[in-house]
C-alpha cells in the first residue's frame, strides 16, 4: 500500500491496512476492500492474469 487506508477482508478475516502494508491473497479466496480514505495500492499477479493484458 503506497498511501491511504482500507479495510481489507480476506476470507473471514478483516484487517485495517495503511501506507507501507502488504498482503497476499491466495487463489480462490473471497476478498474485498473498503476504502476508508483516498488510497493508492499496487497489485501484482503471479502468474500473470491474461484478462488484465492489453
N, C-alpha and C. Protein backbone atom coordinates (compact mmCIF):
# COMPACT_ATOMS: atom_id res chain seq x y z
N UNK A 1 0.85 -1.15 0.00
CA UNK A 1 0.00 0.00 0.00
C UNK A 1 0.90 1.23 0.00
N UNK A 2 0.69 2.09 -0.97
CA UNK A 2 1.50 3.29 -1.09
C UNK A 2 1.00 4.38 -0.15
N UNK A 3 -0.31 4.60 -0.15
CA UNK A 3 -0.89 5.63 0.73
C UNK A 3 -2.36 5.33 0.96
N UNK A 4 -2.92 5.94 2.01
CA UNK A 4 -4.33 5.80 2.30
C UNK A 4 -4.62 4.78 3.39
N UNK A 5 -5.90 4.40 3.45
CA UNK A 5 -6.35 3.46 4.48
C UNK A 5 -7.54 2.67 3.93
N UNK A 6 -7.51 1.34 4.12
CA UNK A 6 -8.60 0.47 3.68
C UNK A 6 -8.86 -0.60 4.73
N UNK A 7 -10.08 -1.11 4.71
CA UNK A 7 -10.38 -2.35 5.42
C UNK A 7 -10.34 -3.44 4.37
N UNK A 8 -9.45 -4.39 4.56
CA UNK A 8 -9.25 -5.47 3.61
C UNK A 8 -9.72 -6.77 4.25
N UNK A 9 -10.70 -7.41 3.62
CA UNK A 9 -11.20 -8.69 4.11
C UNK A 9 -10.71 -9.79 3.17
N UNK A 10 -10.01 -10.76 3.74
CA UNK A 10 -9.51 -11.92 3.01
C UNK A 10 -10.06 -13.14 3.72
N UNK A 11 -10.94 -13.86 3.02
CA UNK A 11 -11.62 -14.97 3.68
C UNK A 11 -12.52 -14.42 4.77
N UNK A 12 -12.34 -14.89 6.00
CA UNK A 12 -13.19 -14.42 7.11
C UNK A 12 -12.46 -13.47 8.06
N UNK A 13 -11.29 -12.96 7.64
CA UNK A 13 -10.53 -12.05 8.50
C UNK A 13 -10.44 -10.68 7.85
N UNK A 14 -10.66 -9.63 8.67
CA UNK A 14 -10.61 -8.25 8.20
C UNK A 14 -9.45 -7.54 8.87
N UNK A 15 -8.70 -6.79 8.06
CA UNK A 15 -7.52 -6.07 8.54
C UNK A 15 -7.61 -4.61 8.09
N UNK A 16 -7.19 -3.69 8.93
CA UNK A 16 -7.03 -2.31 8.50
C UNK A 16 -5.63 -2.17 7.94
N UNK A 17 -5.52 -1.75 6.68
CA UNK A 17 -4.22 -1.60 6.05
C UNK A 17 -3.95 -0.14 5.74
N UNK A 18 -2.69 0.26 5.89
CA UNK A 18 -2.28 1.64 5.67
C UNK A 18 -0.95 1.66 4.92
N UNK A 19 -0.45 2.84 4.67
CA UNK A 19 0.80 3.04 3.95
C UNK A 19 1.91 2.13 4.48
N UNK A 20 2.58 1.42 3.56
CA UNK A 20 3.68 0.52 3.93
C UNK A 20 3.26 -0.92 4.15
N UNK A 21 1.96 -1.19 4.28
CA UNK A 21 1.49 -2.57 4.49
C UNK A 21 1.49 -3.35 3.18
N UNK A 22 1.56 -4.66 3.29
CA UNK A 22 1.42 -5.55 2.14
C UNK A 22 0.63 -6.78 2.57
N UNK A 23 0.12 -7.53 1.59
CA UNK A 23 -0.68 -8.71 1.90
C UNK A 23 -0.64 -9.65 0.70
N UNK A 24 -1.07 -10.86 0.93
CA UNK A 24 -1.15 -11.89 -0.10
C UNK A 24 -2.55 -12.47 -0.07
N UNK A 25 -3.17 -12.60 -1.22
CA UNK A 25 -4.49 -13.20 -1.30
C UNK A 25 -4.34 -14.51 -2.08
N UNK A 26 -4.50 -15.65 -1.41
CA UNK A 26 -4.37 -16.94 -2.10
C UNK A 26 -5.44 -17.11 -3.18
N UNK A 27 -5.15 -17.94 -4.16
CA UNK A 27 -6.12 -18.22 -5.24
C UNK A 27 -7.43 -18.74 -4.66
N UNK A 28 -8.50 -18.34 -5.29
CA UNK A 28 -9.86 -18.83 -4.99
C UNK A 28 -10.35 -18.48 -3.59
N UNK A 29 -9.79 -17.44 -2.97
CA UNK A 29 -10.25 -16.98 -1.66
C UNK A 29 -11.06 -15.70 -1.86
N UNK A 30 -12.25 -15.67 -1.30
CA UNK A 30 -13.09 -14.49 -1.39
C UNK A 30 -12.41 -13.33 -0.67
N UNK A 31 -12.44 -12.15 -1.29
CA UNK A 31 -11.81 -10.99 -0.68
C UNK A 31 -12.52 -9.71 -1.14
N UNK A 32 -12.37 -8.66 -0.34
CA UNK A 32 -12.95 -7.36 -0.70
C UNK A 32 -12.17 -6.28 0.03
N UNK A 33 -12.28 -5.05 -0.49
CA UNK A 33 -11.64 -3.90 0.14
C UNK A 33 -12.66 -2.79 0.29
N UNK A 34 -12.66 -2.15 1.44
CA UNK A 34 -13.48 -0.97 1.70
C UNK A 34 -12.51 0.19 1.90
N UNK A 35 -12.55 1.15 1.00
CA UNK A 35 -11.63 2.28 1.06
C UNK A 35 -12.13 3.26 2.12
N UNK A 36 -11.27 3.56 3.10
CA UNK A 36 -11.64 4.46 4.18
C UNK A 36 -11.18 5.89 3.92
N UNK A 37 -10.13 6.05 3.11
CA UNK A 37 -9.67 7.36 2.66
C UNK A 37 -8.94 7.16 1.34
N UNK A 38 -8.77 8.24 0.58
CA UNK A 38 -8.11 8.14 -0.72
C UNK A 38 -6.87 7.26 -0.63
N UNK A 39 -6.77 6.26 -1.50
CA UNK A 39 -5.71 5.26 -1.39
C UNK A 39 -5.05 4.98 -2.73
N UNK A 40 -3.78 4.61 -2.66
CA UNK A 40 -3.04 4.11 -3.81
C UNK A 40 -2.44 2.77 -3.40
N UNK A 41 -2.78 1.73 -4.15
CA UNK A 41 -2.26 0.39 -3.88
C UNK A 41 -1.66 -0.17 -5.16
N UNK A 42 -0.66 -1.01 -5.03
CA UNK A 42 -0.03 -1.67 -6.17
C UNK A 42 -0.43 -3.14 -6.13
N UNK A 43 -0.97 -3.64 -7.24
CA UNK A 43 -1.34 -5.05 -7.33
C UNK A 43 -0.37 -5.78 -8.24
N UNK A 44 0.07 -6.95 -7.81
CA UNK A 44 0.97 -7.79 -8.59
C UNK A 44 0.35 -9.19 -8.65
N UNK A 45 0.25 -9.75 -9.84
CA UNK A 45 -0.35 -11.07 -10.01
C UNK A 45 0.68 -12.04 -10.55
N UNK A 46 0.74 -13.23 -9.94
CA UNK A 46 1.62 -14.28 -10.42
C UNK A 46 0.90 -15.61 -10.27
N UNK A 47 0.69 -16.33 -11.38
CA UNK A 47 1.13 -15.96 -12.72
C UNK A 47 0.32 -14.77 -13.25
N UNK A 48 0.82 -14.19 -14.33
CA UNK A 48 0.18 -13.03 -14.96
C UNK A 48 -1.27 -13.36 -15.31
N UNK A 49 -2.18 -12.41 -15.07
CA UNK A 49 -3.59 -12.60 -15.42
C UNK A 49 -3.84 -12.05 -16.81
N UNK A 50 -4.13 -12.94 -17.74
CA UNK A 50 -4.30 -12.58 -19.15
C UNK A 50 -5.41 -11.55 -19.35
N UNK A 51 -6.48 -11.58 -18.54
CA UNK A 51 -7.59 -10.64 -18.73
C UNK A 51 -7.20 -9.20 -18.43
N UNK A 52 -6.05 -8.99 -17.77
CA UNK A 52 -5.58 -7.63 -17.49
C UNK A 52 -4.55 -7.14 -18.51
N UNK A 53 -4.23 -7.97 -19.48
CA UNK A 53 -3.26 -7.60 -20.51
C UNK A 53 -3.98 -6.86 -21.63
N UNK A 54 -3.35 -5.91 -22.23
CA UNK A 54 -3.79 -5.15 -23.41
C UNK A 54 -3.40 -3.73 -23.32
